[in-house]
């Protein structure tokens, strides 16, 4: 089964459509106000409505109010919920959709936290002082391989680019790869050629 591709931090219709046309399986819509890729629910609705039905809409949240998540689910046609903050397992799994818990990996010891979560999947990202995601920093992929022992689909993020994603897929064999800054001109503005190259490289691995 080929690894799926999620283009995260899409902030406009043109980038969303370009990602879908290039073969993205999922689009990440970021509802974290402190992110340079932040969307209001109204902005996310506009992007979601323009996307083809086969593209999954992933809502990205950091310590959100329950009401925001519920509203985004109802208005943005979300398929998946992704949580990047200090949310509990109970919080992540209380909604009507499948959920992903993101973990910022420092070292192998970091992975122990995954045992506390009953979400449907895990997203592994690099631990960085500069932000909670989309930093372009990479972590040791051996730890992503180790995380497979928890028996949940793994979304691999952190420093992925068109140049290294095929290597990452061959080594980790994740359920999905997740990219934001690695295919951007600037935070929130995607480079369409890079998105196309990233998706092609990720899906070239059999």
Protein backbone atom coordinates (compact mmCIF):
# COMPACT_ATOMS: atom_id res chain seq x y z
CA UNK A 1 0.00 0.00 0.00
CA UNK A 2 1.50 3.32 -1.03
CA UNK A 3 2.14 5.94 1.60
CA UNK A 4 -0.43 8.71 1.62
CA UNK A 5 0.49 12.38 1.43
CA UNK A 6 -0.85 15.22 3.56
CA UNK A 7 -0.13 18.80 2.56
CA UNK A 8 -0.54 20.79 5.75
CA UNK A 9 -1.02 24.48 6.41
CA UNK A 10 -2.96 25.27 3.25
CA UNK A 11 -4.24 28.85 3.52
CA UNK A 12 -5.91 29.53 0.18
CA UNK A 13 -8.03 27.88 -2.49
CA UNK A 14 -5.36 27.99 -5.22
CA UNK A 15 -2.85 26.05 -3.12
CA UNK A 16 -5.49 23.55 -2.03
CA UNK A 17 -6.54 22.85 -5.60
CA UNK A 18 -2.92 22.57 -6.76
CA UNK A 19 -2.22 20.05 -4.00
CA UNK A 20 -5.28 18.01 -4.93
CA UNK A 21 -4.39 18.09 -8.63
CA UNK A 22 -0.87 16.89 -7.81
CA UNK A 23 -2.30 13.89 -5.99
CA UNK A 24 -2.45 14.89 -2.32
CA UNK A 25 -4.64 12.56 -0.26
CA UNK A 26 -5.17 15.02 2.59
CA UNK A 27 -5.15 18.77 3.13
CA UNK A 28 -4.40 20.25 6.57
CA UNK A 29 -6.47 23.25 7.69
CA UNK A 30 -4.85 24.97 10.67
CA UNK A 31 -7.09 26.49 13.34
CA UNK A 32 -4.29 27.51 15.75
CA UNK A 33 -4.37 31.30 16.08
CA UNK A 34 -0.64 31.66 16.79
CA UNK A 35 0.35 29.84 13.61
CA UNK A 36 1.39 31.77 10.48
CA UNK A 37 -0.87 29.32 8.65
CA UNK A 38 -3.92 30.08 10.80
CA UNK A 39 -7.38 30.00 9.24
CA UNK A 40 -10.68 31.22 10.57
CA UNK A 41 -13.52 28.75 10.20
CA UNK A 42 -14.93 30.90 7.40
CA UNK A 43 -11.63 30.80 5.49
CA UNK A 44 -11.38 27.05 5.97
CA UNK A 45 -14.94 26.61 4.68
CA UNK A 46 -14.00 28.40 1.46
CA UNK A 47 -11.03 26.09 0.87
CA UNK A 48 -12.94 22.96 1.85
CA UNK A 49 -15.80 23.70 -0.53
CA UNK A 50 -13.39 24.11 -3.44
CA UNK A 51 -11.60 20.79 -2.90
CA UNK A 52 -12.60 17.58 -4.71
CA UNK A 53 -14.62 15.14 -2.58
CA UNK A 54 -11.89 12.48 -2.55
CA UNK A 55 -9.44 14.74 -0.67
CA UNK A 56 -9.60 14.38 3.11
CA UNK A 57 -9.86 17.61 5.09
CA UNK A 58 -7.82 17.46 8.29
CA UNK A 59 -8.50 19.98 11.04
CA UNK A 60 -5.32 20.92 12.92
CA UNK A 61 -5.78 22.18 16.50
CA UNK A 62 -3.68 23.19 19.50
CA UNK A 63 -5.45 23.14 22.86
CA UNK A 64 -8.75 24.23 21.27
CA UNK A 65 -12.07 24.97 22.86
CA UNK A 66 -14.45 22.07 22.32
CA UNK A 67 -16.88 24.46 20.62
CA UNK A 68 -14.31 25.39 17.95
CA UNK A 69 -13.67 21.75 17.05
CA UNK A 70 -17.39 21.03 16.88
CA UNK A 71 -18.01 24.07 14.70
CA UNK A 72 -15.14 23.23 12.34
CA UNK A 73 -16.40 19.66 11.97
CA UNK A 74 -19.86 20.88 11.12
CA UNK A 75 -18.92 23.65 8.69
CA UNK A 76 -15.68 22.52 7.05
CA UNK A 77 -16.55 18.92 6.14
CA UNK A 78 -13.58 17.63 8.14
CA UNK A 79 -12.54 13.99 7.80
CA UNK A 80 -9.88 13.85 10.51
CA UNK A 81 -8.89 15.79 13.63
CA UNK A 82 -5.23 16.42 14.45
CA UNK A 83 -4.21 17.65 17.91
CA UNK A 84 -0.82 19.25 18.59
CA UNK A 85 -1.17 20.57 22.13
CA UNK A 86 -1.58 19.21 25.62
CA UNK A 87 -4.93 17.58 24.91
CA UNK A 88 -5.81 14.40 26.76
CA UNK A 89 -6.74 11.19 25.03
CA UNK A 90 -10.30 11.69 26.23
CA UNK A 91 -10.48 15.14 24.65
CA UNK A 92 -9.09 13.95 21.31
CA UNK A 93 -11.47 11.01 21.03
CA UNK A 94 -14.73 12.61 22.17
CA UNK A 95 -15.71 13.90 18.74
CA UNK A 96 -17.46 12.12 15.89
CA UNK A 97 -14.34 11.80 13.72
CA UNK A 98 -11.12 9.84 13.70
CA UNK A 99 -8.32 11.58 15.55
CA UNK A 100 -4.54 11.95 15.34
CA UNK A 101 -2.31 12.92 18.28
CA UNK A 102 0.88 14.71 17.36
CA UNK A 103 4.06 14.07 19.33
CA UNK A 104 7.15 16.26 19.19
CA UNK A 105 9.98 13.74 19.30
CA UNK A 106 13.11 14.62 21.29
CA UNK A 107 14.46 11.09 21.67
CA UNK A 108 13.36 7.47 22.07
CA UNK A 109 12.10 8.27 25.57
CA UNK A 110 9.55 10.66 24.05
CA UNK A 111 7.70 7.76 22.46
CA UNK A 112 6.49 6.46 25.83
CA UNK A 113 3.85 9.19 25.86
CA UNK A 114 2.07 7.47 22.96
CA UNK A 115 0.92 4.70 25.29
CA UNK A 116 -1.39 7.23 26.97
CA UNK A 117 -3.42 7.92 23.85
CA UNK A 118 -6.24 5.99 22.23
CA UNK A 119 -6.39 8.11 19.09
CA UNK A 120 -6.69 6.42 15.70
CA UNK A 121 -3.19 7.46 14.58
CA UNK A 122 -0.06 9.28 15.70
CA UNK A 123 1.81 12.10 13.98
CA UNK A 124 5.52 12.32 14.77
CA UNK A 125 7.20 15.69 14.35
CA UNK A 126 10.53 17.15 15.41
CA UNK A 127 10.79 18.81 18.78
CA UNK A 128 11.66 22.45 18.20
CA UNK A 129 11.87 25.60 20.29
CA UNK A 130 10.68 27.61 17.30
CA UNK A 131 7.17 26.20 17.08
CA UNK A 132 4.69 23.35 17.46
CA UNK A 133 4.88 22.26 13.84
CA UNK A 134 5.84 23.44 10.38
CA UNK A 135 9.36 24.29 11.58
CA UNK A 136 11.18 22.33 8.87
CA UNK A 137 13.28 20.50 11.46
CA UNK A 138 13.93 16.77 11.21
CA UNK A 139 14.25 14.09 13.89
CA UNK A 140 15.82 10.63 13.93
CA UNK A 141 13.63 8.44 11.72
CA UNK A 142 14.73 5.36 13.69
CA UNK A 143 12.38 6.61 16.38
CA UNK A 144 9.52 6.67 13.89
CA UNK A 145 10.27 3.04 13.04
CA UNK A 146 10.22 2.27 16.77
CA UNK A 147 6.84 3.99 17.15
CA UNK A 148 5.28 1.37 14.88
CA UNK A 149 5.25 -0.98 17.89
CA UNK A 150 2.26 0.92 19.29
CA UNK A 151 0.17 -0.57 16.51
CA UNK A 152 -1.30 2.67 15.15
CA UNK A 153 -0.87 4.30 11.74
CA UNK A 154 2.06 6.73 11.75
CA UNK A 155 2.03 10.12 10.06
CA UNK A 156 5.67 11.17 9.56
CA UNK A 157 6.40 14.91 9.64
CA UNK A 158 9.36 17.14 10.37
CA UNK A 159 11.83 18.43 7.82
CA UNK A 160 10.47 16.48 4.87
CA UNK A 161 11.22 17.85 1.40
CA UNK A 162 10.90 16.68 -2.21
CA UNK A 163 14.56 15.64 -1.94
CA UNK A 164 14.35 13.40 1.15
CA UNK A 165 10.76 12.13 1.30
CA UNK A 166 11.36 8.99 -0.78
CA UNK A 167 14.19 8.00 1.57
CA UNK A 168 11.91 8.63 4.55
CA UNK A 169 9.15 6.46 3.08
CA UNK A 170 11.57 3.62 2.32
CA UNK A 171 13.00 3.68 5.84
CA UNK A 172 9.88 4.24 7.95
CA UNK A 173 7.04 2.91 5.76
CA UNK A 174 4.62 5.32 7.41
CA UNK A 175 0.89 5.38 6.76
CA UNK A 176 1.32 8.97 5.59
CA UNK A 177 3.90 11.72 5.21
CA UNK A 178 3.01 15.25 6.26
CA UNK A 179 4.66 18.37 4.84
CA UNK A 180 4.19 22.08 5.30
CA UNK A 181 7.30 24.27 5.22
CA UNK A 182 9.13 21.84 2.92
CA UNK A 183 6.92 22.85 0.00
CA UNK A 184 6.51 26.56 0.75
CA UNK A 185 7.68 29.86 -0.69
CA UNK A 186 6.91 31.48 2.67
CA UNK A 187 4.81 30.38 5.68
CA UNK A 188 1.31 29.65 4.38
CA UNK A 189 2.16 30.11 0.69
CA UNK A 190 2.85 26.86 -1.17
CA UNK A 191 5.21 26.31 -4.06
CA UNK A 192 3.12 24.33 -6.54
CA UNK A 193 6.11 22.76 -8.30
CA UNK A 194 7.53 21.59 -4.97
CA UNK A 195 4.20 20.10 -3.93
CA UNK A 196 4.02 18.18 -7.19
CA UNK A 197 7.61 16.93 -6.80
CA UNK A 198 7.05 15.98 -3.16
CA UNK A 199 3.92 13.98 -3.88
CA UNK A 200 5.49 12.23 -6.87
CA UNK A 201 8.57 11.29 -4.84
CA UNK A 202 6.56 10.02 -1.88
CA UNK A 203 4.35 7.87 -4.10
CA UNK A 204 7.22 6.54 -6.20
CA UNK A 205 8.23 4.15 -3.41
CA UNK A 206 6.64 0.72 -3.74
